[in-house]
Amino acid sequence: MGNNGYFEKHYGQLVGYKVTQVALDDSDPNEEEWCGLVLTKGGVKKIAWILRDPEGNGSGFLDIVDV
């Protein structure tokens, strides 16, 4: 099953960034705590939330968002 370069492009967003912090989201008391990595490059920050997969039901996946 090919991904047509999706994962290379998706994770390529992180090249050159440095992990500077751990992010925790425990805002929903009915859900488990979410963990992420805060990444910085220059004045730009991103968080890579650690999920199971894009749908939340398989092996590891990072949801990368701008801060």
N, C-alpha and C. Protein backbone atom coordinates (compact mmCIF):
# COMPACT_ATOMS: atom_id res chain seq x y z
N MET A 1 0.84 -1.18 0.00
CA MET A 1 0.00 0.00 0.00
C MET A 1 0.89 1.24 0.00
N GLY A 2 0.85 2.01 -1.05
CA GLY A 2 1.67 3.22 -1.16
C GLY A 2 1.01 4.41 -0.49
N ASN A 3 1.82 5.35 -0.09
CA ASN A 3 1.27 6.55 0.54
C ASN A 3 1.52 7.78 -0.32
N ASN A 4 2.06 7.58 -1.53
CA ASN A 4 2.30 8.68 -2.47
C ASN A 4 3.08 9.84 -1.86
N GLY A 5 4.02 9.53 -0.96
CA GLY A 5 4.87 10.55 -0.36
C GLY A 5 4.23 11.31 0.77
N TYR A 6 3.02 10.91 1.18
CA TYR A 6 2.31 11.65 2.24
C TYR A 6 3.15 11.74 3.51
N PHE A 7 3.67 10.61 4.00
CA PHE A 7 4.39 10.62 5.27
C PHE A 7 5.69 11.40 5.17
N GLU A 8 6.39 11.31 4.04
CA GLU A 8 7.62 12.09 3.88
C GLU A 8 7.31 13.59 3.93
N LYS A 9 6.25 14.01 3.27
CA LYS A 9 5.86 15.42 3.28
C LYS A 9 5.38 15.83 4.67
N HIS A 10 4.55 14.99 5.28
CA HIS A 10 3.99 15.32 6.60
C HIS A 10 5.09 15.47 7.64
N TYR A 11 5.96 14.46 7.77
CA TYR A 11 7.01 14.52 8.78
C TYR A 11 8.15 15.45 8.37
N GLY A 12 8.26 15.75 7.09
CA GLY A 12 9.26 16.70 6.62
C GLY A 12 9.06 18.09 7.18
N GLN A 13 7.83 18.39 7.65
CA GLN A 13 7.55 19.68 8.29
C GLN A 13 8.43 19.91 9.51
N LEU A 14 8.95 18.84 10.10
CA LEU A 14 9.70 18.94 11.35
C LEU A 14 11.20 19.09 11.15
N VAL A 15 11.67 18.95 9.93
CA VAL A 15 13.11 19.03 9.68
C VAL A 15 13.63 20.41 10.08
N GLY A 16 14.68 20.43 10.88
CA GLY A 16 15.29 21.68 11.32
C GLY A 16 14.73 22.22 12.62
N TYR A 17 13.63 21.66 13.10
CA TYR A 17 13.06 22.10 14.37
C TYR A 17 13.76 21.42 15.52
N LYS A 18 13.71 22.05 16.69
CA LYS A 18 14.32 21.51 17.90
C LYS A 18 13.21 21.29 18.93
N VAL A 19 13.23 20.13 19.58
CA VAL A 19 12.28 19.86 20.65
C VAL A 19 12.68 20.70 21.85
N THR A 20 11.76 21.54 22.33
CA THR A 20 12.08 22.45 23.43
C THR A 20 11.26 22.20 24.68
N GLN A 21 10.17 21.46 24.56
CA GLN A 21 9.26 21.24 25.69
C GLN A 21 8.39 20.03 25.40
N VAL A 22 7.72 19.59 26.45
CA VAL A 22 6.66 18.60 26.31
C VAL A 22 5.35 19.32 26.56
N ALA A 23 4.35 19.06 25.72
CA ALA A 23 3.03 19.67 25.89
C ALA A 23 2.08 18.61 26.43
N LEU A 24 1.24 19.01 27.37
CA LEU A 24 0.23 18.12 27.93
C LEU A 24 -1.13 18.79 27.81
N ASP A 25 -2.12 18.04 27.37
CA ASP A 25 -3.48 18.55 27.28
C ASP A 25 -4.38 17.63 28.10
N ASP A 26 -4.76 18.12 29.26
CA ASP A 26 -5.67 17.37 30.12
C ASP A 26 -6.96 18.15 30.33
N SER A 27 -7.35 18.92 29.30
CA SER A 27 -8.49 19.82 29.40
C SER A 27 -9.84 19.12 29.47
N ASP A 28 -9.92 17.88 29.01
CA ASP A 28 -11.18 17.14 29.04
C ASP A 28 -11.10 16.06 30.12
N PRO A 29 -11.82 16.24 31.23
CA PRO A 29 -11.73 15.27 32.32
C PRO A 29 -12.27 13.89 31.97
N ASN A 30 -13.00 13.79 30.87
CA ASN A 30 -13.56 12.50 30.44
C ASN A 30 -12.65 11.76 29.47
N GLU A 31 -11.55 12.36 29.10
CA GLU A 31 -10.62 11.76 28.14
C GLU A 31 -9.26 11.57 28.79
N GLU A 32 -8.44 10.73 28.16
CA GLU A 32 -7.06 10.57 28.61
C GLU A 32 -6.26 11.84 28.30
N GLU A 33 -5.17 12.03 29.01
CA GLU A 33 -4.28 13.16 28.76
C GLU A 33 -3.55 12.94 27.43
N TRP A 34 -3.44 14.01 26.64
CA TRP A 34 -2.70 13.96 25.37
C TRP A 34 -1.31 14.54 25.59
N CYS A 35 -0.31 13.92 25.01
CA CYS A 35 1.07 14.39 25.10
C CYS A 35 1.55 14.82 23.73
N GLY A 36 2.41 15.83 23.71
CA GLY A 36 2.96 16.31 22.46
C GLY A 36 4.35 16.85 22.67
N LEU A 37 5.01 17.16 21.58
CA LEU A 37 6.34 17.75 21.60
C LEU A 37 6.25 19.16 21.05
N VAL A 38 6.74 20.14 21.81
CA VAL A 38 6.80 21.52 21.34
C VAL A 38 8.12 21.67 20.60
N LEU A 39 8.04 22.12 19.35
CA LEU A 39 9.21 22.26 18.49
C LEU A 39 9.36 23.71 18.08
N THR A 40 10.61 24.20 18.05
CA THR A 40 10.84 25.59 17.64
C THR A 40 11.94 25.66 16.59
N LYS A 41 11.80 26.65 15.72
CA LYS A 41 12.83 26.98 14.72
C LYS A 41 12.69 28.47 14.47
N GLY A 42 13.70 29.24 14.88
CA GLY A 42 13.57 30.69 14.80
C GLY A 42 12.44 31.13 15.71
N GLY A 43 11.52 31.93 15.21
CA GLY A 43 10.37 32.36 16.00
C GLY A 43 9.13 31.53 15.78
N VAL A 44 9.27 30.42 15.07
CA VAL A 44 8.12 29.58 14.73
C VAL A 44 8.03 28.40 15.69
N LYS A 45 6.82 28.14 16.17
CA LYS A 45 6.58 26.99 17.05
C LYS A 45 5.53 26.08 16.44
N LYS A 46 5.71 24.80 16.67
CA LYS A 46 4.74 23.79 16.29
C LYS A 46 4.59 22.84 17.46
N ILE A 47 3.46 22.17 17.52
CA ILE A 47 3.30 21.06 18.46
C ILE A 47 3.02 19.81 17.63
N ALA A 48 3.75 18.76 17.93
CA ALA A 48 3.52 17.47 17.32
C ALA A 48 2.83 16.60 18.37
N TRP A 49 1.49 16.51 18.28
CA TRP A 49 0.72 15.70 19.22
C TRP A 49 0.91 14.23 18.89
N ILE A 50 1.16 13.44 19.89
CA ILE A 50 1.44 12.02 19.70
C ILE A 50 0.12 11.26 19.75
N LEU A 51 -0.28 10.72 18.60
CA LEU A 51 -1.52 9.97 18.46
C LEU A 51 -1.21 8.54 18.07
N ARG A 52 -2.24 7.76 17.87
CA ARG A 52 -2.04 6.39 17.39
C ARG A 52 -1.92 6.38 15.87
N ASP A 53 -2.80 7.04 15.16
CA ASP A 53 -2.74 7.20 13.70
C ASP A 53 -3.68 8.35 13.34
N PRO A 54 -3.77 8.75 12.08
CA PRO A 54 -4.63 9.90 11.76
C PRO A 54 -6.07 9.75 12.26
N GLU A 55 -6.57 8.52 12.32
CA GLU A 55 -7.92 8.28 12.80
C GLU A 55 -7.94 7.92 14.28
N GLY A 56 -6.78 7.75 14.90
CA GLY A 56 -6.70 7.44 16.32
C GLY A 56 -6.81 5.97 16.66
N ASN A 57 -6.57 5.07 15.71
CA ASN A 57 -6.78 3.65 16.01
C ASN A 57 -5.73 2.71 15.43
N GLY A 58 -4.50 3.12 15.40
CA GLY A 58 -3.46 2.24 14.87
C GLY A 58 -2.10 2.61 15.41
N SER A 59 -1.06 2.27 14.66
CA SER A 59 0.31 2.54 15.14
C SER A 59 0.60 4.04 15.12
N GLY A 60 1.74 4.44 15.66
CA GLY A 60 2.10 5.83 15.92
C GLY A 60 1.93 6.81 14.79
N PHE A 61 1.50 8.02 15.13
CA PHE A 61 1.30 9.12 14.19
C PHE A 61 1.46 10.42 14.95
N LEU A 62 2.02 11.45 14.32
CA LEU A 62 2.15 12.77 14.93
C LEU A 62 1.20 13.74 14.21
N ASP A 63 0.34 14.39 14.96
CA ASP A 63 -0.53 15.44 14.42
C ASP A 63 0.21 16.75 14.63
N ILE A 64 0.71 17.36 13.56
CA ILE A 64 1.56 18.54 13.64
C ILE A 64 0.72 19.79 13.43
N VAL A 65 0.75 20.69 14.43
CA VAL A 65 -0.04 21.92 14.35
C VAL A 65 0.85 23.13 14.64
N ASP A 66 0.53 24.24 14.00
CA ASP A 66 1.22 25.50 14.28
C ASP A 66 0.67 26.07 15.58
N VAL A 67 1.55 26.73 16.34
CA VAL A 67 1.13 27.32 17.61
C VAL A 67 0.97 28.81 17.41
